[in-house]
Each structure stands twice: as structure tokens, then as C-alpha cells.
């Protein structure tokens, strides 16, 4: 690749110097002395969130302790229904995974080279990029106004399901880059091992522990976001837009202003909402997608407001006013802004 090539389409690959100085830059070409920044730590090839493995070990340990406690009760002669549940849990999980997989197979539309071809292409490219052995099955199911997608598996099969309301983002009137981010996110769950039967079985008890199970789930979502970002970085604002305001209003969301609120919004209850959630709250998630120099915040909100400067890198900026703040005296009838805004 020479110095005058455009920025590569694969994220995380830095270009050579943008202009050699031996001729004037062409229209749209960077000026002399400019260069592409090397990718930030979490803008390069996807990696696990730092909390994922420690939380996985903790949850598996909690599950093992739960199993051993039930066995010990049986040894002491205190036979109970919990022991039957322990014996049945592998079969119950197998049935749940099988039924979940059968649903889209008989009610959904499968993505193929001739049906939802653009979505199928995105699935194939993501599977190839992340080293999967085969292309996961992909289905579109009726959303009925819901915006959602998920990845799972049954036996040796892995698959993703995209709700139709979310797939509409891939239409000409929507944001196909956001759809590609979402598909990369779901393929990331498969590539990172989150859909494994044995993993789900080993974490089945611990995932129900308040705060602990939710923390592992949030770490896994941040990991999948790393895959989505690497698949299509430009899709991040659209994803935040559609998840926060829906498929029709996604373009009205100011991504930086939304991410800034991760710092502005504070207090015990905002902390608790995130700590109990299976997915990172959207403002924190947006802040993590903007600042790729560090992993997504797990328990404490981001403290510094930043702006992107390229390749996932950021620079701190003076804290702007609260997005809802207005000049004194500008509201009618003597109205004033709420306290602490």
C-alpha cells in the first residue's frame, strides 16, 4: 500500500505516511505532515473485556459451590427437590437451547445469498474475519416493534437471530453500517465462546446471583461490542441511536452528547441501574464505543469527557455544560432549570 492509498477498510491497520511531499496533495488527500494514528488498544483486533475471565471464574466457582451444597445435603439425608433439579439441569438446558433454535427455523426467514442477501454477506464476512469454522445460520424473525438480536447455539450449530425491526436499519432509508456493527456483535458472541453449552451449564447457578451474574453478562456484552466495533467502527453511533430512540429516530441522536451524559448523570440509583443490568447502560456503552483506549466502565461512570481524534484514540476536552442547560433568563414565565443541571 503506497502513501497515497485511502485509509484501509479493515479497522486496526495503520497506513503509511499520508503524503511524501514530492507533489501537491490531490483533492481530498491529507496535507503534508499528516498521518494516520495507530489504533487504540480496543480499536485493534478484538479482545476480551478485562473483567470477563475473572468474573467467569467467580461465577463458575459459585455454580460449583451450589452443586456441592446440594450433594452435601443429600449425603446428610436431607433429600429435596433441589437435588432433582441438579440432576435435570443439563437436560433442561439442552431442551431450552433446542426449542430456542427450532423457533426461528420454523417461523423465521433464513438469510441466504438470495434472501436478505446483504445481511447474509455481513454474516459471512464477520465469520471469516473472526476465524469461525463455518458460517453460522442467520434468521430474520418478526419484531412487532421490538429492536433486538441475539446469538445462541444447539449441539454443534451456532446461529444468530435478527428481529425484523432491527433489520430495517439495513434498508436504503436507514443505516446499514449500524446493522453490520450489530451482526458483528452477535458473531462476536459466538467467536468469544459465549454460546457454548458447557459454558452456559457451568454458569447456570452463578448467573442468578445478584450483581455477580450481571457483571459477567455486562463484560460479555462489552467483549461483543469490541467485535462489533472492529467489524464496522462507523456503525457505533447508529447502534446507540437505534437502541436509545428506535429505528425511525436514530439519526436524531447526537452521539457525543449522548456519551457525555455517562459523566453528567451520577448518583446511587444510576449506579444501581447499571450494576443490576445484564447489559451496560447505554450512556456508558456509548462512552466506551467512543473511547477505545480503555475497556468499558463496569461499576463506576467515566470521569473524563473526551472527543475522538481518530483510530479510536481520544483527547480530553473541558467539560461542556449539561446538554439540557440553557442561558439564565431564556425560559418563559420565570422558569428555571432543575437543580444540579
Protein backbone atom coordinates (compact mmCIF):
# COMPACT_ATOMS: atom_id res chain seq x y z
CA UNK A 1 0.00 0.00 0.00
CA UNK A 2 1.55 3.32 -1.06
CA UNK A 3 1.43 6.61 0.78
CA UNK A 4 -1.49 7.87 -1.30
CA UNK A 5 -3.83 4.94 -0.69
CA UNK A 6 -7.08 5.69 1.16
CA UNK A 7 -7.49 4.53 4.72
CA UNK A 8 -7.95 0.75 4.63
CA UNK A 9 -11.37 -0.73 5.09
CA UNK A 10 -10.19 -3.16 7.78
CA UNK A 11 -10.06 -1.40 11.16
CA UNK A 12 -6.86 -1.57 13.13
CA UNK A 13 -4.48 -1.37 10.14
CA UNK A 14 -2.42 1.83 10.14
CA UNK A 15 -1.47 3.47 6.86
CA UNK A 16 1.99 4.65 5.92
CA UNK A 17 2.74 8.39 5.91
CA UNK A 18 -0.06 10.08 4.05
CA UNK A 19 1.97 12.32 1.77
CA UNK A 20 5.58 12.11 0.66
CA UNK A 21 5.95 15.79 -0.15
CA UNK A 22 7.13 15.21 -3.71
CA UNK A 23 3.91 16.57 -5.24
CA UNK A 24 0.94 18.67 -4.13
CA UNK A 25 -1.81 16.67 -2.43
CA UNK A 26 -4.78 15.86 -4.61
CA UNK A 27 -8.31 16.88 -3.70
CA UNK A 28 -9.40 15.03 -0.58
CA UNK A 29 -5.87 13.84 0.16
CA UNK A 30 -4.32 14.63 3.57
CA UNK A 31 -1.94 17.57 3.65
CA UNK A 32 1.82 17.11 4.05
CA UNK A 33 2.89 16.12 7.54
CA UNK A 34 -0.38 14.45 8.49
CA UNK A 35 -0.55 10.77 9.36
CA UNK A 36 -2.97 8.07 10.48
CA UNK A 37 -2.87 7.46 14.21
CA UNK A 38 -2.09 3.89 15.26
CA UNK A 39 -5.22 2.12 16.51
CA UNK A 40 -6.11 2.48 20.16
CA UNK A 41 -5.91 -0.60 22.38
CA UNK A 42 -9.56 -1.56 21.94
CA UNK A 43 -9.78 -0.40 18.31
CA UNK A 44 -7.37 -3.09 17.14
CA UNK A 45 -8.20 -6.79 16.84
CA UNK A 46 -11.00 -7.68 19.29
CA UNK A 47 -10.04 -8.74 22.78
CA UNK A 48 -11.97 -9.88 25.82
CA UNK A 49 -13.04 -7.29 28.34
CA UNK A 50 -10.57 -7.49 31.27
CA UNK A 51 -13.38 -8.37 33.69
CA UNK A 52 -14.73 -11.29 31.66
CA UNK A 53 -12.35 -14.10 32.67
CA UNK A 54 -12.20 -13.19 36.40
CA UNK A 55 -15.99 -12.91 36.57
CA UNK A 56 -16.36 -16.15 34.61
CA UNK A 57 -14.14 -17.95 37.12
CA UNK A 58 -16.13 -16.47 40.01
CA UNK A 59 -19.48 -17.47 38.51
CA UNK A 60 -18.30 -21.00 37.70
CA UNK A 61 -16.97 -21.32 41.26
CA UNK A 62 -20.33 -20.16 42.64
CA UNK A 63 -22.12 -22.71 40.44
CA UNK A 64 -19.79 -25.47 41.64
CA UNK A 65 -20.35 -24.49 45.27
CA UNK A 66 -24.10 -24.62 44.68
CA UNK A 67 -23.85 -28.10 43.19
CA UNK A 68 -21.64 -29.34 46.04
CA UNK A 69 -24.01 -27.88 48.64
CA UNK A 70 -26.92 -29.81 47.19
CA UNK A 71 -24.88 -33.02 47.08
CA UNK A 72 -23.85 -32.48 50.71
CA UNK A 73 -27.48 -32.06 51.76
CA UNK A 74 -28.31 -35.35 50.08
CA UNK A 75 -25.42 -37.07 51.89
CA UNK A 76 -26.83 -35.76 55.16
CA UNK A 77 -30.16 -37.32 54.28
CA UNK A 78 -31.93 -34.06 53.50
CA UNK A 79 -33.18 -35.10 50.07
CA UNK A 80 -35.06 -32.31 48.37
CA UNK A 81 -36.42 -31.15 45.06
CA UNK A 82 -33.21 -29.18 44.55
CA UNK A 83 -31.35 -32.44 44.03
CA UNK A 84 -33.76 -33.42 41.29
CA UNK A 85 -33.24 -30.02 39.72
CA UNK A 86 -29.48 -30.56 39.87
CA UNK A 87 -29.83 -33.85 38.02
CA UNK A 88 -32.24 -32.39 35.48
CA UNK A 89 -30.43 -29.11 34.80
CA UNK A 90 -28.23 -30.39 31.91
CA UNK A 91 -31.31 -31.85 30.23
CA UNK A 92 -33.40 -28.73 30.89
CA UNK A 93 -30.70 -26.52 29.34
CA UNK A 94 -30.46 -28.83 26.34
CA UNK A 95 -34.23 -28.64 25.82
CA UNK A 96 -34.26 -24.85 26.15
CA UNK A 97 -31.46 -24.46 23.60
CA UNK A 98 -33.14 -26.89 21.22
CA UNK A 99 -36.51 -25.15 21.41
CA UNK A 100 -34.90 -21.72 21.06
CA UNK A 101 -33.11 -22.88 17.90
CA UNK A 102 -36.23 -24.55 16.46
CA UNK A 103 -38.29 -21.36 16.74
CA UNK A 104 -36.55 -19.31 14.03
CA UNK A 105 -36.03 -22.43 11.91
CA UNK A 106 -39.78 -22.89 11.51
CA UNK A 107 -41.02 -19.30 11.90
CA UNK A 108 -38.19 -17.10 10.67
CA UNK A 109 -36.70 -16.21 7.30
CA UNK A 110 -33.21 -17.60 6.79
CA UNK A 111 -30.59 -15.26 5.39
CA UNK A 112 -29.15 -16.72 2.19
CA UNK A 113 -27.32 -15.42 -0.90
CA UNK A 114 -30.75 -14.73 -2.45
CA UNK A 115 -32.79 -13.77 0.62
CA UNK A 116 -31.72 -10.85 2.81
CA UNK A 117 -28.53 -11.08 0.77
CA UNK A 118 -26.91 -8.01 2.31
CA UNK A 119 -27.32 -9.38 5.82
CA UNK A 120 -26.02 -12.77 4.69
CA UNK A 121 -22.92 -11.09 3.25
CA UNK A 122 -22.29 -9.37 6.58
CA UNK A 123 -22.59 -12.69 8.44
CA UNK A 124 -20.18 -14.45 6.06
CA UNK A 125 -17.61 -11.64 6.23
CA UNK A 126 -17.75 -11.49 10.04
CA UNK A 127 -17.43 -15.28 10.35
CA UNK A 128 -14.40 -15.28 8.05
CA UNK A 129 -12.82 -12.31 9.83
CA UNK A 130 -13.04 -13.97 13.23
CA UNK A 131 -11.87 -17.44 12.23
CA UNK A 132 -15.08 -19.44 12.62
CA UNK A 133 -15.03 -22.91 11.05
CA UNK A 134 -18.34 -22.43 9.28
CA UNK A 135 -20.91 -19.74 8.59
CA UNK A 136 -23.46 -19.57 11.43
CA UNK A 137 -27.11 -19.83 10.49
CA UNK A 138 -28.80 -16.45 10.45
CA UNK A 139 -32.53 -15.75 10.65
CA UNK A 140 -34.84 -12.75 10.50
CA UNK A 141 -37.92 -13.02 12.74
CA UNK A 142 -40.91 -10.75 13.14
CA UNK A 143 -40.06 -7.98 15.60
CA UNK A 144 -43.53 -6.44 16.13
CA UNK A 145 -41.87 -3.18 17.09
CA UNK A 146 -39.12 -4.72 19.21
CA UNK A 147 -35.48 -3.91 18.46
CA UNK A 148 -33.35 -6.92 19.35
CA UNK A 149 -30.87 -9.54 18.13
CA UNK A 150 -29.20 -12.49 19.81
CA UNK A 151 -26.76 -15.33 19.24
CA UNK A 152 -27.01 -18.86 20.58
CA UNK A 153 -26.31 -22.48 19.69
CA UNK A 154 -27.58 -26.02 19.84
CA UNK A 155 -25.31 -29.03 19.53
CA UNK A 156 -22.54 -28.09 17.12
CA UNK A 157 -24.67 -25.45 15.40
CA UNK A 158 -24.33 -21.73 16.07
CA UNK A 159 -26.77 -19.12 14.85
CA UNK A 160 -27.89 -15.53 15.15
CA UNK A 161 -31.40 -14.09 15.09
CA UNK A 162 -32.16 -10.54 13.99
CA UNK A 163 -35.57 -9.04 14.66
CA UNK A 164 -37.15 -7.59 11.53
CA UNK A 165 -37.48 -4.12 13.06
CA UNK A 166 -33.74 -4.09 13.59
CA UNK A 167 -33.01 -5.45 10.14
CA UNK A 168 -34.84 -2.49 8.61
CA UNK A 169 -31.80 -0.44 9.60
CA UNK A 170 -30.07 -2.16 6.69
CA UNK A 171 -32.52 -0.69 4.20
CA UNK A 172 -31.60 2.24 1.98
CA UNK A 173 -33.50 4.67 4.19
CA UNK A 174 -31.72 3.53 7.36
CA UNK A 175 -28.12 2.88 8.44
CA UNK A 176 -26.54 -0.31 7.00
CA UNK A 177 -23.34 0.36 8.95
CA UNK A 178 -25.29 0.04 12.21
CA UNK A 179 -26.70 -3.30 11.05
CA UNK A 180 -23.20 -4.53 10.21
CA UNK A 181 -22.00 -3.50 13.68
CA UNK A 182 -24.88 -5.45 15.25
CA UNK A 183 -24.20 -8.56 13.18
CA UNK A 184 -20.50 -8.30 14.06
CA UNK A 185 -21.51 -8.01 17.72
CA UNK A 186 -23.58 -11.20 17.56
CA UNK A 187 -20.92 -13.12 15.64
CA UNK A 188 -18.53 -11.87 18.33
CA UNK A 189 -20.58 -13.67 20.99
CA UNK A 190 -20.04 -16.89 19.02
CA UNK A 191 -16.34 -16.26 18.39
CA UNK A 192 -15.73 -15.46 22.08
CA UNK A 193 -17.36 -18.71 23.21
CA UNK A 194 -20.36 -17.13 24.91
CA UNK A 195 -22.84 -19.50 23.22
CA UNK A 196 -21.19 -22.75 24.35
CA UNK A 197 -23.49 -25.29 26.02
CA UNK A 198 -20.84 -26.24 28.57
CA UNK A 199 -20.15 -22.62 29.43
CA UNK A 200 -23.83 -21.93 29.98
CA UNK A 201 -24.20 -25.07 32.07
CA UNK A 202 -21.16 -24.21 34.20
CA UNK A 203 -22.51 -20.73 34.89
CA UNK A 204 -26.19 -21.67 35.28
CA UNK A 205 -26.31 -21.18 39.06
CA UNK A 206 -23.82 -18.32 39.45
CA UNK A 207 -25.52 -16.18 36.78
CA UNK A 208 -28.52 -15.86 39.11
CA UNK A 209 -26.50 -14.25 41.90
CA UNK A 210 -27.37 -10.51 42.01
CA UNK A 211 -24.57 -8.20 40.84
CA UNK A 212 -22.19 -11.12 40.13
CA UNK A 213 -24.07 -12.71 37.25
CA UNK A 214 -24.99 -9.30 35.86
CA UNK A 215 -21.32 -8.23 35.94
CA UNK A 216 -20.27 -11.25 33.85
CA UNK A 217 -23.09 -10.55 31.40
CA UNK A 218 -22.04 -6.90 31.03
CA UNK A 219 -18.41 -7.89 30.49
CA UNK A 220 -19.50 -10.29 27.75
CA UNK A 221 -21.53 -7.52 26.09
CA UNK A 222 -18.52 -5.21 26.13
CA UNK A 223 -16.47 -8.01 24.56
CA UNK A 224 -19.07 -8.46 21.82
CA UNK A 225 -19.05 -4.68 21.29
CA UNK A 226 -15.30 -4.95 20.65
CA UNK A 227 -16.11 -7.35 17.81
CA UNK A 228 -18.88 -5.11 16.51
CA UNK A 229 -16.62 -2.08 16.57
CA UNK A 230 -13.84 -3.91 14.73
CA UNK A 231 -16.37 -5.09 12.16
CA UNK A 232 -17.70 -1.59 11.41
CA UNK A 233 -16.47 1.29 13.60
CA UNK A 234 -18.68 3.79 11.80
CA UNK A 235 -21.76 1.83 12.87
CA UNK A 236 -21.34 2.67 16.57
CA UNK A 237 -23.31 5.97 16.52
CA UNK A 238 -26.17 4.36 14.62
CA UNK A 239 -26.32 1.45 17.06
CA UNK A 240 -26.52 3.81 20.02
CA UNK A 241 -29.18 5.80 18.17
CA UNK A 242 -31.42 2.84 17.38
CA UNK A 243 -31.10 1.27 20.85
CA UNK A 244 -31.88 4.57 22.57
CA UNK A 245 -34.56 6.10 20.35
CA UNK A 246 -35.71 3.46 17.87
CA UNK A 247 -35.30 2.74 14.19
CA UNK A 248 -37.01 5.91 12.97
CA UNK A 249 -35.24 8.44 15.19
CA UNK A 250 -31.71 7.01 15.29
CA UNK A 251 -30.25 9.77 13.12
CA UNK A 252 -31.56 12.45 15.52
CA UNK A 253 -29.29 11.29 18.36
CA UNK A 254 -26.12 13.33 18.95
CA UNK A 255 -23.58 10.60 19.70
CA UNK A 256 -21.11 12.81 21.60
CA UNK A 257 -23.82 14.48 23.65
CA UNK A 258 -25.29 11.09 24.50
CA UNK A 259 -21.87 9.70 25.53
CA UNK A 260 -21.13 12.84 27.59
CA UNK A 261 -24.12 12.02 29.79
CA UNK A 262 -22.24 8.98 31.08
CA UNK A 263 -20.21 11.55 33.02
CA UNK A 264 -23.03 14.01 33.71
CA UNK A 265 -25.54 11.50 35.08
CA UNK A 266 -24.49 10.46 38.57
CA UNK A 267 -25.90 9.21 41.87
CA UNK A 268 -26.62 5.96 43.65
CA UNK A 269 -29.65 4.99 41.61
CA UNK A 270 -27.94 5.49 38.25
CA UNK A 271 -25.11 3.33 39.58
CA UNK A 272 -27.57 0.67 40.77
CA UNK A 273 -29.38 0.53 37.42
CA UNK A 274 -26.10 -0.35 35.72
CA UNK A 275 -24.90 -2.72 38.46
CA UNK A 276 -28.09 -4.79 38.22
CA UNK A 277 -28.31 -4.75 34.41
CA UNK A 278 -27.33 -7.61 32.10
CA UNK A 279 -26.17 -5.05 29.50
CA UNK A 280 -24.16 -1.88 30.13
CA UNK A 281 -26.42 1.16 30.37
CA UNK A 282 -26.47 2.90 27.02
CA UNK A 283 -24.71 6.11 28.04
CA UNK A 284 -21.77 4.13 29.46
CA UNK A 285 -21.82 1.90 26.40
CA UNK A 286 -21.67 4.92 24.10
CA UNK A 287 -18.76 6.34 26.10
CA UNK A 288 -16.91 3.03 25.72
CA UNK A 289 -17.51 2.95 21.97
CA UNK A 290 -16.15 6.50 21.66
CA UNK A 291 -13.08 5.96 23.84
CA UNK A 292 -11.32 2.85 22.56
CA UNK A 293 -8.20 3.44 24.65
CA UNK A 294 -9.73 1.66 27.67
CA UNK A 295 -12.29 -1.05 28.38
CA UNK A 296 -15.91 -0.19 29.04
CA UNK A 297 -16.77 1.01 32.54
CA UNK A 298 -18.21 -1.74 34.73
CA UNK A 299 -19.06 -0.22 38.11
CA UNK A 300 -18.08 3.45 38.08
CA UNK A 301 -19.02 6.03 35.48
CA UNK A 302 -16.40 7.58 33.17
CA UNK A 303 -14.96 10.68 34.85
CA UNK A 304 -13.45 12.48 31.84
CA UNK A 305 -15.28 13.86 28.82
CA UNK A 306 -13.36 13.24 25.63
CA UNK A 307 -13.63 13.63 21.88
CA UNK A 308 -12.44 11.18 19.25
CA UNK A 309 -9.30 12.10 17.32
CA UNK A 310 -9.08 9.07 15.03
CA UNK A 311 -8.46 5.31 15.13
CA UNK A 312 -10.30 5.02 18.44
CA UNK A 313 -7.98 7.48 20.18
CA UNK A 314 -9.39 10.37 22.20
CA UNK A 315 -8.36 13.67 23.70
CA UNK A 316 -9.85 15.19 26.87
CA UNK A 317 -11.87 18.36 26.48
CA UNK A 318 -13.10 20.90 29.03
CA UNK A 319 -16.41 19.66 30.44
CA UNK A 320 -19.20 21.18 28.35
CA UNK A 321 -22.36 22.41 30.03
CA UNK A 322 -25.05 19.88 30.76
CA UNK A 323 -26.89 19.18 27.47
CA UNK A 324 -30.15 20.47 28.95
CA UNK A 325 -28.63 23.68 30.32
CA UNK A 326 -29.80 27.00 28.84
CA UNK A 327 -28.77 30.59 29.44
CA UNK A 328 -30.31 32.24 32.54
CA UNK A 329 -33.44 34.17 31.73
CA UNK A 330 -34.02 32.43 28.42
CA UNK A 331 -37.02 30.40 29.61
CA UNK A 332 -40.55 31.92 29.66
CA UNK A 333 -42.60 32.82 32.72
CA UNK A 334 -39.61 32.84 35.06
CA UNK A 335 -38.91 29.13 34.64
CA UNK A 336 -35.50 27.90 35.70
CA UNK A 337 -33.58 24.69 35.08
CA UNK A 338 -33.78 21.83 37.58
CA UNK A 339 -31.17 21.83 40.37
CA UNK A 340 -27.70 20.46 39.52
CA UNK A 341 -28.14 20.93 35.77
